[in-house]
């Protein structure tokens, strides 16, 4: 195995070791020039037990197991924006926020969902702002149900 270096960001609670995209054991040291990321235009993908847990790309940021975002979107929290598809421009913050449903994928755009489960059943609704835990869990074709 190649020699790897650890980056520990204490304030963020992040630890990662990278050598050709391999993660190895932590040594809790920071060396000059260490960072989490790439030195090229490749996206940074985080996984937990082989399940998507984060993405940093030129247009998308997501963190949380099964937290996935459409292009030009932000998803933070477990399963936030999980079934997103389409052109994006959504912000989903909180567990299951903007999750959509496995049957009707969330293709809505320009939405802001903040709070546990807010907009969790959105399928096609666009231009919505939902704040608060479980705030309006179902939006279809722009109609709040």
C-alpha atoms as a PDB file:
ATOM      1  CA  UNK A   1       0.000   0.000   0.000  1.00  0.00           C
ATOM      2  CA  UNK A   2       1.226   3.489  -0.802  1.00  0.00           C
ATOM      3  CA  UNK A   3       2.106   5.982   1.890  1.00  0.00           C
ATOM      4  CA  UNK A   4      -0.809   8.225   2.735  1.00  0.00           C
ATOM      5  CA  UNK A   5      -1.267  11.415   4.697  1.00  0.00           C
ATOM      6  CA  UNK A   6      -4.110  12.263   7.034  1.00  0.00           C
ATOM      7  CA  UNK A   7      -6.040  15.464   7.072  1.00  0.00           C
ATOM      8  CA  UNK A   8      -7.977  16.139  10.241  1.00  0.00           C
ATOM      9  CA  UNK A   9     -10.238  19.168  10.356  1.00  0.00           C
ATOM     10  CA  UNK A  10     -11.127  19.241  14.028  1.00  0.00           C
ATOM     11  CA  UNK A  11     -13.704  22.037  13.834  1.00  0.00           C
ATOM     12  CA  UNK A  12     -15.588  20.180  11.131  1.00  0.00           C
ATOM     13  CA  UNK A  13     -14.987  16.733  12.587  1.00  0.00           C
ATOM     14  CA  UNK A  14     -13.722  15.434   9.243  1.00  0.00           C
ATOM     15  CA  UNK A  15     -10.918  12.941   8.844  1.00  0.00           C
ATOM     16  CA  UNK A  16      -9.731  11.490   5.594  1.00  0.00           C
ATOM     17  CA  UNK A  17      -6.679   9.836   4.105  1.00  0.00           C
ATOM     18  CA  UNK A  18      -6.245   9.764   0.380  1.00  0.00           C
ATOM     19  CA  UNK A  19      -3.875   7.902  -1.885  1.00  0.00           C
ATOM     20  CA  UNK A  20      -5.220   7.295  -5.342  1.00  0.00           C
ATOM     21  CA  UNK A  21      -8.760   7.477  -3.935  1.00  0.00           C
ATOM     22  CA  UNK A  22      -8.032   4.871  -1.248  1.00  0.00           C
ATOM     23  CA  UNK A  23      -8.888   5.551   2.385  1.00  0.00           C
ATOM     24  CA  UNK A  24      -6.558   4.066   4.984  1.00  0.00           C
ATOM     25  CA  UNK A  25      -6.146   4.198   8.751  1.00  0.00           C
ATOM     26  CA  UNK A  26      -5.945   7.580  10.453  1.00  0.00           C
ATOM     27  CA  UNK A  27      -2.882   8.929  12.238  1.00  0.00           C
ATOM     28  CA  UNK A  28      -4.394  12.255  13.379  1.00  0.00           C
ATOM     29  CA  UNK A  29      -1.635  14.406  11.924  1.00  0.00           C
ATOM     30  CA  UNK A  30      -1.712  17.338   9.536  1.00  0.00           C
ATOM     31  CA  UNK A  31       1.137  17.927   7.149  1.00  0.00           C
ATOM     32  CA  UNK A  32       1.849  21.018   5.087  1.00  0.00           C
ATOM     33  CA  UNK A  33      -0.009  20.891   1.802  1.00  0.00           C
ATOM     34  CA  UNK A  34      -2.562  18.307   2.984  1.00  0.00           C
ATOM     35  CA  UNK A  35      -6.150  18.768   1.924  1.00  0.00           C
ATOM     36  CA  UNK A  36      -9.334  16.885   1.179  1.00  0.00           C
ATOM     37  CA  UNK A  37      -9.998  17.119  -2.513  1.00  0.00           C
ATOM     38  CA  UNK A  38      -8.298  16.778  -5.834  1.00  0.00           C
ATOM     39  CA  UNK A  39      -5.660  18.704  -7.695  1.00  0.00           C
ATOM     40  CA  UNK A  40      -7.649  18.404 -10.928  1.00  0.00           C
ATOM     41  CA  UNK A  41     -11.250  18.947 -12.084  1.00  0.00           C
ATOM     42  CA  UNK A  42     -12.595  15.659 -10.694  1.00  0.00           C
ATOM     43  CA  UNK A  43     -15.503  15.699  -8.239  1.00  0.00           C
ATOM     44  CA  UNK A  44     -14.903  14.664  -4.637  1.00  0.00           C
ATOM     45  CA  UNK A  45     -17.230  11.828  -3.610  1.00  0.00           C
ATOM     46  CA  UNK A  46     -17.671  10.661  -0.021  1.00  0.00           C
ATOM     47  CA  UNK A  47     -19.089   7.245   0.840  1.00  0.00           C
ATOM     48  CA  UNK A  48     -19.932   5.447   4.062  1.00  0.00           C
ATOM     49  CA  UNK A  49     -19.933   1.666   3.764  1.00  0.00           C
ATOM     50  CA  UNK A  50     -20.137   2.032  -0.044  1.00  0.00           C
ATOM     51  CA  UNK A  51     -23.246   4.269   0.196  1.00  0.00           C
ATOM     52  CA  UNK A  52     -23.063   7.803  -1.211  1.00  0.00           C
ATOM     53  CA  UNK A  53     -22.574  10.270   1.655  1.00  0.00           C
ATOM     54  CA  UNK A  54     -21.353  13.433  -0.028  1.00  0.00           C
ATOM     55  CA  UNK A  55     -20.427  15.166  -3.242  1.00  0.00           C
ATOM     56  CA  UNK A  56     -18.398  18.268  -3.992  1.00  0.00           C
ATOM     57  CA  UNK A  57     -18.538  19.237  -7.646  1.00  0.00           C
ATOM     58  CA  UNK A  58     -18.328  22.420  -9.649  1.00  0.00           C
ATOM     59  CA  UNK A  59     -22.101  22.931  -9.337  1.00  0.00           C
ATOM     60  CA  UNK A  60     -23.355  20.645  -6.564  1.00  0.00           C
ATOM     61  CA  UNK A  61     -22.742  20.195  -2.841  1.00  0.00           C
ATOM     62  CA  UNK A  62     -24.303  17.412  -0.783  1.00  0.00           C
ATOM     63  CA  UNK A  63     -23.482  15.875   2.593  1.00  0.00           C
ATOM     64  CA  UNK A  64     -25.344  13.112   4.420  1.00  0.00           C
ATOM     65  CA  UNK A  65     -25.887   9.423   3.688  1.00  0.00           C
ATOM     66  CA  UNK A  66     -28.104   9.163   0.578  1.00  0.00           C
ATOM     67  CA  UNK A  67     -28.031  12.935   0.245  1.00  0.00           C
ATOM     68  CA  UNK A  68     -27.964  13.558  -3.480  1.00  0.00           C
ATOM     69  CA  UNK A  69     -28.501  16.741  -5.418  1.00  0.00           C
ATOM     70  CA  UNK A  70     -29.496  17.791  -8.862  1.00  0.00           C
ATOM     71  CA  UNK A  71     -27.024  20.002 -10.718  1.00  0.00           C
ATOM     72  CA  UNK A  72     -26.588  23.474  -9.232  1.00  0.00           C
ATOM     73  CA  UNK A  73     -28.125  22.341  -5.935  1.00  0.00           C
ATOM     74  CA  UNK A  74     -27.234  21.972  -2.257  1.00  0.00           C
ATOM     75  CA  UNK A  75     -28.393  19.081  -0.042  1.00  0.00           C
ATOM     76  CA  UNK A  76     -27.348  18.739   3.601  1.00  0.00           C
ATOM     77  CA  UNK A  77     -28.706  15.982   5.837  1.00  0.00           C
ATOM     78  CA  UNK A  78     -29.440  12.270   5.686  1.00  0.00           C
ATOM     79  CA  UNK A  79     -31.486  11.559   2.518  1.00  0.00           C
ATOM     80  CA  UNK A  80     -31.855  15.277   1.722  1.00  0.00           C
ATOM     81  CA  UNK A  81     -32.724  15.587  -1.970  1.00  0.00           C
ATOM     82  CA  UNK A  82     -32.339  11.805  -2.344  1.00  0.00           C
ATOM     83  CA  UNK A  83     -34.602  11.233  -5.362  1.00  0.00           C
ATOM     84  CA  UNK A  84     -33.719  14.443  -7.158  1.00  0.00           C
ATOM     85  CA  UNK A  85     -33.520  14.523 -10.927  1.00  0.00           C
ATOM     86  CA  UNK A  86     -33.817  17.169 -13.597  1.00  0.00           C
ATOM     87  CA  UNK A  87     -32.225  20.578 -13.913  1.00  0.00           C
ATOM     88  CA  UNK A  88     -31.894  21.405 -10.205  1.00  0.00           C
ATOM     89  CA  UNK A  89     -31.360  24.749  -8.486  1.00  0.00           C
ATOM     90  CA  UNK A  90     -32.787  23.385  -5.216  1.00  0.00           C
ATOM     91  CA  UNK A  91     -31.636  23.789  -1.613  1.00  0.00           C
ATOM     92  CA  UNK A  92     -32.577  20.982   0.803  1.00  0.00           C
ATOM     93  CA  UNK A  93     -31.378  21.215   4.405  1.00  0.00           C
ATOM     94  CA  UNK A  94     -32.453  18.674   7.033  1.00  0.00           C
ATOM     95  CA  UNK A  95     -33.053  14.943   7.168  1.00  0.00           C
ATOM     96  CA  UNK A  96     -35.337  13.919   4.259  1.00  0.00           C
ATOM     97  CA  UNK A  97     -35.763  17.569   3.183  1.00  0.00           C
ATOM     98  CA  UNK A  98     -36.715  17.715  -0.499  1.00  0.00           C
ATOM     99  CA  UNK A  99     -36.327  13.951  -0.698  1.00  0.00           C
ATOM    100  CA  UNK A 100     -39.063  13.312  -3.243  1.00  0.00           C
ATOM    101  CA  UNK A 101     -40.401   9.801  -3.465  1.00  0.00           C
ATOM    102  CA  UNK A 102     -38.987   6.688  -5.035  1.00  0.00           C
ATOM    103  CA  UNK A 103     -42.055   6.441  -7.277  1.00  0.00           C
ATOM    104  CA  UNK A 104     -42.283  10.044  -8.475  1.00  0.00           C
ATOM    105  CA  UNK A 105     -38.757  11.424  -8.616  1.00  0.00           C
ATOM    106  CA  UNK A 106     -38.349  15.043  -7.552  1.00  0.00           C
ATOM    107  CA  UNK A 107     -37.967  16.994 -10.795  1.00  0.00           C
ATOM    108  CA  UNK A 108     -39.005  20.350  -9.317  1.00  0.00           C
ATOM    109  CA  UNK A 109     -36.632  23.298  -9.616  1.00  0.00           C
ATOM    110  CA  UNK A 110     -35.798  26.479  -7.685  1.00  0.00           C
ATOM    111  CA  UNK A 111     -37.102  25.092  -4.370  1.00  0.00           C
ATOM    112  CA  UNK A 112     -35.840  25.783  -0.844  1.00  0.00           C
ATOM    113  CA  UNK A 113     -36.684  23.129   1.743  1.00  0.00           C
ATOM    114  CA  UNK A 114     -35.370  23.719   5.268  1.00  0.00           C
ATOM    115  CA  UNK A 115     -36.324  21.436   8.155  1.00  0.00           C
ATOM    116  CA  UNK A 116     -36.609  17.736   8.848  1.00  0.00           C
ATOM    117  CA  UNK A 117     -38.857  16.279   6.138  1.00  0.00           C
ATOM    118  CA  UNK A 118     -39.875  19.607   4.596  1.00  0.00           C
ATOM    119  CA  UNK A 119     -40.994  19.068   1.000  1.00  0.00           C
ATOM    120  CA  UNK A 120     -40.252  15.370   1.439  1.00  0.00           C
ATOM    121  CA  UNK A 121     -42.819  14.213  -1.123  1.00  0.00           C
ATOM    122  CA  UNK A 122     -42.252  16.880  -3.730  1.00  0.00           C
ATOM    123  CA  UNK A 123     -42.344  15.451  -7.236  1.00  0.00           C
ATOM    124  CA  UNK A 124     -42.740  18.324  -9.716  1.00  0.00           C
ATOM    125  CA  UNK A 125     -43.396  21.452  -7.634  1.00  0.00           C
ATOM    126  CA  UNK A 126     -41.108  24.403  -8.409  1.00  0.00           C
ATOM    127  CA  UNK A 127     -40.404  27.853  -6.949  1.00  0.00           C
ATOM    128  CA  UNK A 128     -41.389  26.848  -3.390  1.00  0.00           C
ATOM    129  CA  UNK A 129     -39.964  27.921  -0.034  1.00  0.00           C
ATOM    130  CA  UNK A 130     -40.800  25.582   2.843  1.00  0.00           C
ATOM    131  CA  UNK A 131     -39.423  26.196   6.341  1.00  0.00           C
ATOM    132  CA  UNK A 132     -39.922  24.022   9.393  1.00  0.00           C
ATOM    133  CA  UNK A 133     -39.992  20.385  10.316  1.00  0.00           C
ATOM    134  CA  UNK A 134     -42.339  18.402   8.013  1.00  0.00           C
ATOM    135  CA  UNK A 135     -43.487  21.653   6.357  1.00  0.00           C
ATOM    136  CA  UNK A 136     -45.881  20.731   3.562  1.00  0.00           C
ATOM    137  CA  UNK A 137     -44.660  17.261   2.748  1.00  0.00           C
ATOM    138  CA  UNK A 138     -46.421  16.922  -0.613  1.00  0.00           C
ATOM    139  CA  UNK A 139     -46.242  19.262  -3.596  1.00  0.00           C
ATOM    140  CA  UNK A 140     -47.267  18.148  -7.062  1.00  0.00           C
ATOM    141  CA  UNK A 141     -47.386  20.350 -10.128  1.00  0.00           C
ATOM    142  CA  UNK A 142     -46.991  23.409  -7.938  1.00  0.00           C
ATOM    143  CA  UNK A 143     -50.123  22.563  -5.912  1.00  0.00           C
ATOM    144  CA  UNK A 144     -49.644  22.163  -2.179  1.00  0.00           C
ATOM    145  CA  UNK A 145     -51.522  19.159  -0.822  1.00  0.00           C
END
